Amino acid sequence: WAAIDNVCTHDGGTLGEGELDDCLVECPRHGARFDLLSGDVRALPAVFPVNAYPVRVVDGRVEVDVSVPTRELEIG
């Protein structure tokens, strides 16, 4: 499981509507790609990463700790 911000840092596209390719998500607006585990940019036009959040499974439920982002969201 992985959790990242739902907003592309390039132009505000909704990453939840993007295509998944292994551990990457592609923004549906302009094709920027982000690593689902780290939030790092893997393809332009985005240059700023998105936040990634710690995830764990407890009693069969997925829990995301949104109080501990990896970085502050930066809209480029």
PDB file of N, CA and C in Angstrom:
ATOM      1  N   TRP A   1       0.834  -1.178   0.000  1.00  0.00           N
ATOM      2  CA  TRP A   1       0.000   0.000   0.000  1.00  0.00           C
ATOM      3  C   TRP A   1       0.879   1.243   0.000  1.00  0.00           C
ATOM      4  N   ALA A   2       0.357   2.309  -0.595  1.00  0.00           N
ATOM      5  CA  ALA A   2       1.076   3.576  -0.648  1.00  0.00           C
ATOM      6  C   ALA A   2       0.065   4.714  -0.619  1.00  0.00           C
ATOM      7  N   ALA A   3       0.500   5.867  -0.124  1.00  0.00           N
ATOM      8  CA  ALA A   3      -0.374   7.040  -0.094  1.00  0.00           C
ATOM      9  C   ALA A   3       0.453   8.286  -0.397  1.00  0.00           C
ATOM     10  N   ILE A   4      -0.026   9.071  -1.360  1.00  0.00           N
ATOM     11  CA  ILE A   4       0.603  10.344  -1.710  1.00  0.00           C
ATOM     12  C   ILE A   4      -0.487  11.393  -1.854  1.00  0.00           C
ATOM     13  N   ASP A   5      -0.070  12.662  -1.963  1.00  0.00           N
ATOM     14  CA  ASP A   5      -1.036  13.723  -2.240  1.00  0.00           C
ATOM     15  C   ASP A   5      -1.757  13.430  -3.547  1.00  0.00           C
ATOM     16  N   ASN A   6      -2.975  13.910  -3.659  1.00  0.00           N
ATOM     17  CA  ASN A   6      -3.796  13.663  -4.835  1.00  0.00           C
ATOM     18  C   ASN A   6      -3.666  14.765  -5.882  1.00  0.00           C
ATOM     19  N   VAL A   7      -2.817  15.755  -5.641  1.00  0.00           N
ATOM     20  CA  VAL A   7      -2.701  16.910  -6.534  1.00  0.00           C
ATOM     21  C   VAL A   7      -1.307  16.969  -7.152  1.00  0.00           C
ATOM     22  N   CYS A   8      -1.239  17.002  -8.478  1.00  0.00           N
ATOM     23  CA  CYS A   8       0.028  17.123  -9.195  1.00  0.00           C
ATOM     24  C   CYS A   8       0.649  18.489  -8.907  1.00  0.00           C
ATOM     25  N   THR A   9       1.945  18.505  -8.651  1.00  0.00           N
ATOM     26  CA  THR A   9       2.628  19.759  -8.346  1.00  0.00           C
ATOM     27  C   THR A   9       2.910  20.603  -9.582  1.00  0.00           C
ATOM     28  N   HIS A  10       2.692  20.058 -10.764  1.00  0.00           N
ATOM     29  CA  HIS A  10       2.924  20.831 -11.979  1.00  0.00           C
ATOM     30  C   HIS A  10       1.765  21.763 -12.285  1.00  0.00           C
ATOM     31  N   ASP A  11       0.543  21.210 -12.341  1.00  0.00           N
ATOM     32  CA  ASP A  11      -0.589  22.034 -12.765  1.00  0.00           C
ATOM     33  C   ASP A  11      -1.885  21.669 -12.044  1.00  0.00           C
ATOM     34  N   GLY A  12      -1.767  21.007 -10.893  1.00  0.00           N
ATOM     35  CA  GLY A  12      -2.947  20.734 -10.084  1.00  0.00           C
ATOM     36  C   GLY A  12      -3.833  19.602 -10.556  1.00  0.00           C
ATOM     37  N   GLY A  13      -3.351  18.751 -11.448  1.00  0.00           N
ATOM     38  CA  GLY A  13      -4.151  17.614 -11.906  1.00  0.00           C
ATOM     39  C   GLY A  13      -4.442  16.648 -10.766  1.00  0.00           C
ATOM     40  N   THR A  14      -5.526  15.888 -10.904  1.00  0.00           N
ATOM     41  CA  THR A  14      -5.935  14.925  -9.890  1.00  0.00           C
ATOM     42  C   THR A  14      -5.228  13.597 -10.125  1.00  0.00           C
ATOM     43  N   LEU A  15      -4.259  13.271  -9.283  1.00  0.00           N
ATOM     44  CA  LEU A  15      -3.463  12.063  -9.479  1.00  0.00           C
ATOM     45  C   LEU A  15      -4.293  10.791  -9.327  1.00  0.00           C
ATOM     46  N   GLY A  16      -5.352  10.840  -8.543  1.00  0.00           N
ATOM     47  CA  GLY A  16      -6.226   9.682  -8.376  1.00  0.00           C
ATOM     48  C   GLY A  16      -6.922   9.272  -9.656  1.00  0.00           C
ATOM     49  N   GLU A  17      -6.938  10.148 -10.640  1.00  0.00           N
ATOM     50  CA  GLU A  17      -7.530   9.835 -11.942  1.00  0.00           C
ATOM     51  C   GLU A  17      -6.476   9.396 -12.946  1.00  0.00           C
ATOM     52  N   GLY A  18      -5.216   9.334 -12.506  1.00  0.00           N
ATOM     53  CA  GLY A  18      -4.122   8.977 -13.403  1.00  0.00           C
ATOM     54  C   GLY A  18      -3.947   7.481 -13.561  1.00  0.00           C
ATOM     55  N   GLU A  19      -3.147   7.114 -14.557  1.00  0.00           N
ATOM     56  CA  GLU A  19      -2.830   5.711 -14.826  1.00  0.00           C
ATOM     57  C   GLU A  19      -1.722   5.246 -13.887  1.00  0.00           C
ATOM     58  N   LEU A  20      -1.847   3.999 -13.425  1.00  0.00           N
ATOM     59  CA  LEU A  20      -0.815   3.388 -12.587  1.00  0.00           C
ATOM     60  C   LEU A  20       0.072   2.503 -13.436  1.00  0.00           C
ATOM     61  N   ASP A  21       1.374   2.546 -13.160  1.00  0.00           N
ATOM     62  CA  ASP A  21       2.345   1.682 -13.828  1.00  0.00           C
ATOM     63  C   ASP A  21       3.338   1.229 -12.770  1.00  0.00           C
ATOM     64  N   ASP A  22       3.117   0.029 -12.245  1.00  0.00           N
ATOM     65  CA  ASP A  22       3.930  -0.508 -11.162  1.00  0.00           C
ATOM     66  C   ASP A  22       3.824   0.436  -9.964  1.00  0.00           C
ATOM     67  N   CYS A  23       4.893   1.078  -9.541  1.00  0.00           N
ATOM     68  CA  CYS A  23       4.857   1.980  -8.382  1.00  0.00           C
ATOM     69  C   CYS A  23       4.852   3.446  -8.797  1.00  0.00           C
ATOM     70  N   LEU A  24       4.353   3.728 -10.002  1.00  0.00           N
ATOM     71  CA  LEU A  24       4.279   5.101 -10.492  1.00  0.00           C
ATOM     72  C   LEU A  24       2.841   5.454 -10.835  1.00  0.00           C
ATOM     73  N   VAL A  25       2.503   6.731 -10.668  1.00  0.00           N
ATOM     74  CA  VAL A  25       1.219   7.239 -11.135  1.00  0.00           C
ATOM     75  C   VAL A  25       1.511   8.373 -12.114  1.00  0.00           C
ATOM     76  N   GLU A  26       0.747   8.411 -13.204  1.00  0.00           N
ATOM     77  CA  GLU A  26       0.912   9.450 -14.220  1.00  0.00           C
ATOM     78  C   GLU A  26      -0.240  10.434 -14.135  1.00  0.00           C
ATOM     79  N   CYS A  27       0.087  11.710 -14.034  1.00  0.00           N
ATOM     80  CA  CYS A  27      -0.940  12.748 -13.988  1.00  0.00           C
ATOM     81  C   CYS A  27      -1.704  12.761 -15.307  1.00  0.00           C
ATOM     82  N   PRO A  28      -3.033  12.761 -15.251  1.00  0.00           N
ATOM     83  CA  PRO A  28      -3.823  12.743 -16.480  1.00  0.00           C
ATOM     84  C   PRO A  28      -3.782  14.053 -17.266  1.00  0.00           C
ATOM     85  N   ARG A  29      -3.300  15.127 -16.670  1.00  0.00           N
ATOM     86  CA  ARG A  29      -3.292  16.420 -17.371  1.00  0.00           C
ATOM     87  C   ARG A  29      -2.131  16.565 -18.338  1.00  0.00           C
ATOM     88  N   HIS A  30      -0.903  16.368 -17.853  1.00  0.00           N
ATOM     89  CA  HIS A  30       0.259  16.614 -18.711  1.00  0.00           C
ATOM     90  C   HIS A  30       1.301  15.506 -18.667  1.00  0.00           C
ATOM     91  N   GLY A  31       1.005  14.396 -17.987  1.00  0.00           N
ATOM     92  CA  GLY A  31       1.885  13.239 -18.022  1.00  0.00           C
ATOM     93  C   GLY A  31       3.021  13.197 -17.022  1.00  0.00           C
ATOM     94  N   ALA A  32       3.060  14.128 -16.071  1.00  0.00           N
ATOM     95  CA  ALA A  32       4.082  14.026 -15.024  1.00  0.00           C
ATOM     96  C   ALA A  32       3.885  12.706 -14.291  1.00  0.00           C
ATOM     97  N   ARG A  33       4.994  12.111 -13.847  1.00  0.00           N
ATOM     98  CA  ARG A  33       4.908  10.823 -13.154  1.00  0.00           C
ATOM     99  C   ARG A  33       5.558  10.937 -11.780  1.00  0.00           C
ATOM    100  N   PHE A  34       4.928  10.277 -10.803  1.00  0.00           N
ATOM    101  CA  PHE A  34       5.395  10.317  -9.422  1.00  0.00           C
ATOM    102  C   PHE A  34       5.529   8.905  -8.869  1.00  0.00           C
ATOM    103  N   ASP A  35       6.560   8.706  -8.043  1.00  0.00           N
ATOM    104  CA  ASP A  35       6.771   7.445  -7.345  1.00  0.00           C
ATOM    105  C   ASP A  35       5.761   7.361  -6.197  1.00  0.00           C
ATOM    106  N   LEU A  36       5.000   6.278  -6.141  1.00  0.00           N
ATOM    107  CA  LEU A  36       3.965   6.140  -5.120  1.00  0.00           C
ATOM    108  C   LEU A  36       4.524   5.925  -3.716  1.00  0.00           C
ATOM    109  N   LEU A  37       5.735   5.428  -3.603  1.00  0.00           N
ATOM    110  CA  LEU A  37       6.305   5.164  -2.285  1.00  0.00           C
ATOM    111  C   LEU A  37       7.030   6.364  -1.695  1.00  0.00           C
ATOM    112  N   SER A  38       7.662   7.169  -2.542  1.00  0.00           N
ATOM    113  CA  SER A  38       8.454   8.302  -2.042  1.00  0.00           C
ATOM    114  C   SER A  38       7.854   9.665  -2.378  1.00  0.00           C
ATOM    115  N   GLY A  39       6.997   9.725  -3.404  1.00  0.00           N
ATOM    116  CA  GLY A  39       6.466  11.003  -3.874  1.00  0.00           C
ATOM    117  C   GLY A  39       7.387  11.715  -4.846  1.00  0.00           C
ATOM    118  N   ASP A  40       8.556  11.139  -5.117  1.00  0.00           N
ATOM    119  CA  ASP A  40       9.529  11.770  -6.006  1.00  0.00           C
ATOM    120  C   ASP A  40       9.025  11.851  -7.446  1.00  0.00           C
ATOM    121  N   VAL A  41       9.451  12.902  -8.139  1.00  0.00           N
ATOM    122  CA  VAL A  41       9.125  13.079  -9.556  1.00  0.00           C
ATOM    123  C   VAL A  41       9.944  12.085 -10.370  1.00  0.00           C
ATOM    124  N   ARG A  42       9.287  11.388 -11.294  1.00  0.00           N
ATOM    125  CA  ARG A  42       9.975  10.444 -12.174  1.00  0.00           C
ATOM    126  C   ARG A  42       9.880  10.851 -13.642  1.00  0.00           C
ATOM    127  N   ALA A  43       9.031  11.852 -13.952  1.00  0.00           N
ATOM    128  CA  ALA A  43       8.940  12.353 -15.328  1.00  0.00           C
ATOM    129  C   ALA A  43       8.402  13.778 -15.306  1.00  0.00           C
ATOM    130  N   LEU A  44       8.992  14.615 -16.131  1.00  0.00           N
ATOM    131  CA  LEU A  44       8.534  15.995 -16.307  1.00  0.00           C
ATOM    132  C   LEU A  44       7.140  15.991 -16.930  1.00  0.00           C
ATOM    133  N   PRO A  45       6.402  17.081 -16.824  1.00  0.00           N
ATOM    134  CA  PRO A  45       6.855  18.436 -16.561  1.00  0.00           C
ATOM    135  C   PRO A  45       6.911  18.822 -15.082  1.00  0.00           C
ATOM    136  N   ALA A  46       6.476  17.978 -14.156  1.00  0.00           N
ATOM    137  CA  ALA A  46       6.587  18.330 -12.734  1.00  0.00           C
ATOM    138  C   ALA A  46       8.061  18.362 -12.328  1.00  0.00           C
ATOM    139  N   VAL A  47       8.403  19.272 -11.441  1.00  0.00           N
ATOM    140  CA  VAL A  47       9.764  19.331 -10.905  1.00  0.00           C
ATOM    141  C   VAL A  47       9.767  19.205  -9.379  1.00  0.00           C
ATOM    142  N   PHE A  48       8.622  19.426  -8.743  1.00  0.00           N
ATOM    143  CA  PHE A  48       8.509  19.306  -7.295  1.00  0.00           C
ATOM    144  C   PHE A  48       7.811  17.996  -6.948  1.00  0.00           C
ATOM    145  N   PRO A  49       8.296  17.288  -5.930  1.00  0.00           N
ATOM    146  CA  PRO A  49       7.659  16.035  -5.511  1.00  0.00           C
ATOM    147  C   PRO A  49       6.341  16.300  -4.789  1.00  0.00           C
ATOM    148  N   VAL A  50       5.571  15.241  -4.593  1.00  0.00           N
ATOM    149  CA  VAL A  50       4.369  15.296  -3.762  1.00  0.00           C
ATOM    150  C   VAL A  50       4.697  14.647  -2.419  1.00  0.00           C
ATOM    151  N   ASN A  51       3.875  14.913  -1.419  1.00  0.00           N
ATOM    152  CA  ASN A  51       4.044  14.255  -0.126  1.00  0.00           C
ATOM    153  C   ASN A  51       3.702  12.780  -0.243  1.00  0.00           C
ATOM    154  N   ALA A  52       4.451  11.954   0.464  1.00  0.00           N
ATOM    155  CA  ALA A  52       4.120  10.546   0.650  1.00  0.00           C
ATOM    156  C   ALA A  52       3.863  10.363   2.146  1.00  0.00           C
ATOM    157  N   TYR A  53       2.971   9.444   2.497  1.00  0.00           N
ATOM    158  CA  TYR A  53       2.559   9.270   3.882  1.00  0.00           C
ATOM    159  C   TYR A  53       2.777   7.833   4.344  1.00  0.00           C
ATOM    160  N   PRO A  54       3.136   7.649   5.620  1.00  0.00           N
ATOM    161  CA  PRO A  54       3.286   6.296   6.153  1.00  0.00           C
ATOM    162  C   PRO A  54       1.957   5.535   6.109  1.00  0.00           C
ATOM    163  N   VAL A  55       2.038   4.280   5.704  1.00  0.00           N
ATOM    164  CA  VAL A  55       0.856   3.423   5.587  1.00  0.00           C
ATOM    165  C   VAL A  55       1.123   2.132   6.345  1.00  0.00           C
ATOM    166  N   ARG A  56       0.089   1.625   7.014  1.00  0.00           N
ATOM    167  CA  ARG A  56       0.190   0.317   7.658  1.00  0.00           C
ATOM    168  C   ARG A  56      -1.171  -0.362   7.607  1.00  0.00           C
ATOM    169  N   VAL A  57      -1.162  -1.680   7.769  1.00  0.00           N
ATOM    170  CA  VAL A  57      -2.395  -2.458   7.816  1.00  0.00           C
ATOM    171  C   VAL A  57      -2.564  -2.963   9.242  1.00  0.00           C
ATOM    172  N   VAL A  58      -3.713  -2.631   9.849  1.00  0.00           N
ATOM    173  CA  VAL A  58      -4.021  -3.035  11.216  1.00  0.00           C
ATOM    174  C   VAL A  58      -5.380  -3.724  11.211  1.00  0.00           C
ATOM    175  N   ASP A  59      -5.409  -4.967  11.648  1.00  0.00           N
ATOM    176  CA  ASP A  59      -6.659  -5.735  11.693  1.00  0.00           C
ATOM    177  C   ASP A  59      -7.389  -5.703  10.355  1.00  0.00           C
ATOM    178  N   GLY A  60      -6.636  -5.810   9.270  1.00  0.00           N
ATOM    179  CA  GLY A  60      -7.233  -5.847   7.936  1.00  0.00           C
ATOM    180  C   GLY A  60      -7.642  -4.497   7.378  1.00  0.00           C
ATOM    181  N   ARG A  61      -7.362  -3.424   8.095  1.00  0.00           N
ATOM    182  CA  ARG A  61      -7.692  -2.074   7.620  1.00  0.00           C
ATOM    183  C   ARG A  61      -6.417  -1.334   7.265  1.00  0.00           C
ATOM    184  N   VAL A  62      -6.474  -0.569   6.188  1.00  0.00           N
ATOM    185  CA  VAL A  62      -5.328   0.246   5.788  1.00  0.00           C
ATOM    186  C   VAL A  62      -5.413   1.581   6.521  1.00  0.00           C
ATOM    187  N   GLU A  63      -4.339   1.943   7.218  1.00  0.00           N
ATOM    188  CA  GLU A  63      -4.280   3.214   7.932  1.00  0.00           C
ATOM    189  C   GLU A  63      -3.192   4.086   7.323  1.00  0.00           C
ATOM    190  N   VAL A  64      -3.535   5.351   7.085  1.00  0.00           N
ATOM    191  CA  VAL A  64      -2.593   6.326   6.535  1.00  0.00           C
ATOM    192  C   VAL A  64      -2.401   7.421   7.572  1.00  0.00           C
ATOM    193  N   ASP A  65      -1.161   7.697   7.923  1.00  0.00           N
ATOM    194  CA  ASP A  65      -0.853   8.741   8.892  1.00  0.00           C
ATOM    195  C   ASP A  65      -0.579  10.044   8.144  1.00  0.00           C
ATOM    196  N   VAL A  66      -1.627  10.845   7.967  1.00  0.00           N
ATOM    197  CA  VAL A  66      -1.485  12.095   7.210  1.00  0.00           C
ATOM    198  C   VAL A  66      -0.835  13.206   8.038  1.00  0.00           C
ATOM    199  N   SER A  67      -0.571  12.946   9.307  1.00  0.00           N
ATOM    200  CA  SER A  67       0.084  13.965  10.133  1.00  0.00           C
ATOM    201  C   SER A  67       1.599  13.973   9.929  1.00  0.00           C
ATOM    202  N   VAL A  68       2.109  13.016   9.148  1.00  0.00           N
ATOM    203  CA  VAL A  68       3.552  12.900   8.954  1.00  0.00           C
ATOM    204  C   VAL A  68       3.892  12.894   7.464  1.00  0.00           C
ATOM    205  N   PRO A  69       3.678  14.022   6.762  1.00  0.00           N
ATOM    206  CA  PRO A  69       4.043  14.045   5.343  1.00  0.00           C
ATOM    207  C   PRO A  69       5.557  14.055   5.178  1.00  0.00           C
ATOM    208  N   THR A  70       6.019  13.545   4.057  1.00  0.00           N
ATOM    209  CA  THR A  70       7.451  13.526   3.795  1.00  0.00           C
ATOM    210  C   THR A  70       7.986  14.907   3.470  1.00  0.00           C
ATOM    211  N   ARG A  71       7.148  15.790   2.984  1.00  0.00           N
ATOM    212  CA  ARG A  71       7.577  17.150   2.642  1.00  0.00           C
ATOM    213  C   ARG A  71       6.332  18.025   2.509  1.00  0.00           C
ATOM    214  N   GLU A  72       6.517  19.311   2.512  1.00  0.00           N
ATOM    215  CA  GLU A  72       5.401  20.230   2.301  1.00  0.00           C
ATOM    216  C   GLU A  72       5.044  20.246   0.825  1.00  0.00           C
ATOM    217  N   LEU A  73       3.765  20.291   0.528  1.00  0.00           N
ATOM    218  CA  LEU A  73       3.310  20.336  -0.859  1.00  0.00           C
ATOM    219  C   LEU A  73       3.729  21.659  -1.490  1.00  0.00           C
ATOM    220  N   GLU A  74       4.392  21.558  -2.644  1.00  0.00           N
ATOM    221  CA  GLU A  74       4.822  22.752  -3.373  1.00  0.00           C
ATOM    222  C   GLU A  74       4.176  22.724  -4.751  1.00  0.00           C
ATOM    223  N   ILE A  75       3.390  23.709  -5.059  1.00  0.00           N
ATOM    224  CA  ILE A  75       2.790  23.815  -6.387  1.00  0.00           C
ATOM    225  C   ILE A  75       3.717  24.678  -7.228  1.00  0.00           C
ATOM    226  N   GLY A  76       4.226  24.096  -8.319  1.00  0.00           N
ATOM    227  CA  GLY A  76       5.178  24.807  -9.180  1.00  0.00           C
ATOM    228  C   GLY A  76       4.517  25.667 -10.203  1.00  0.00           C
TER     229      GLY A  76
END
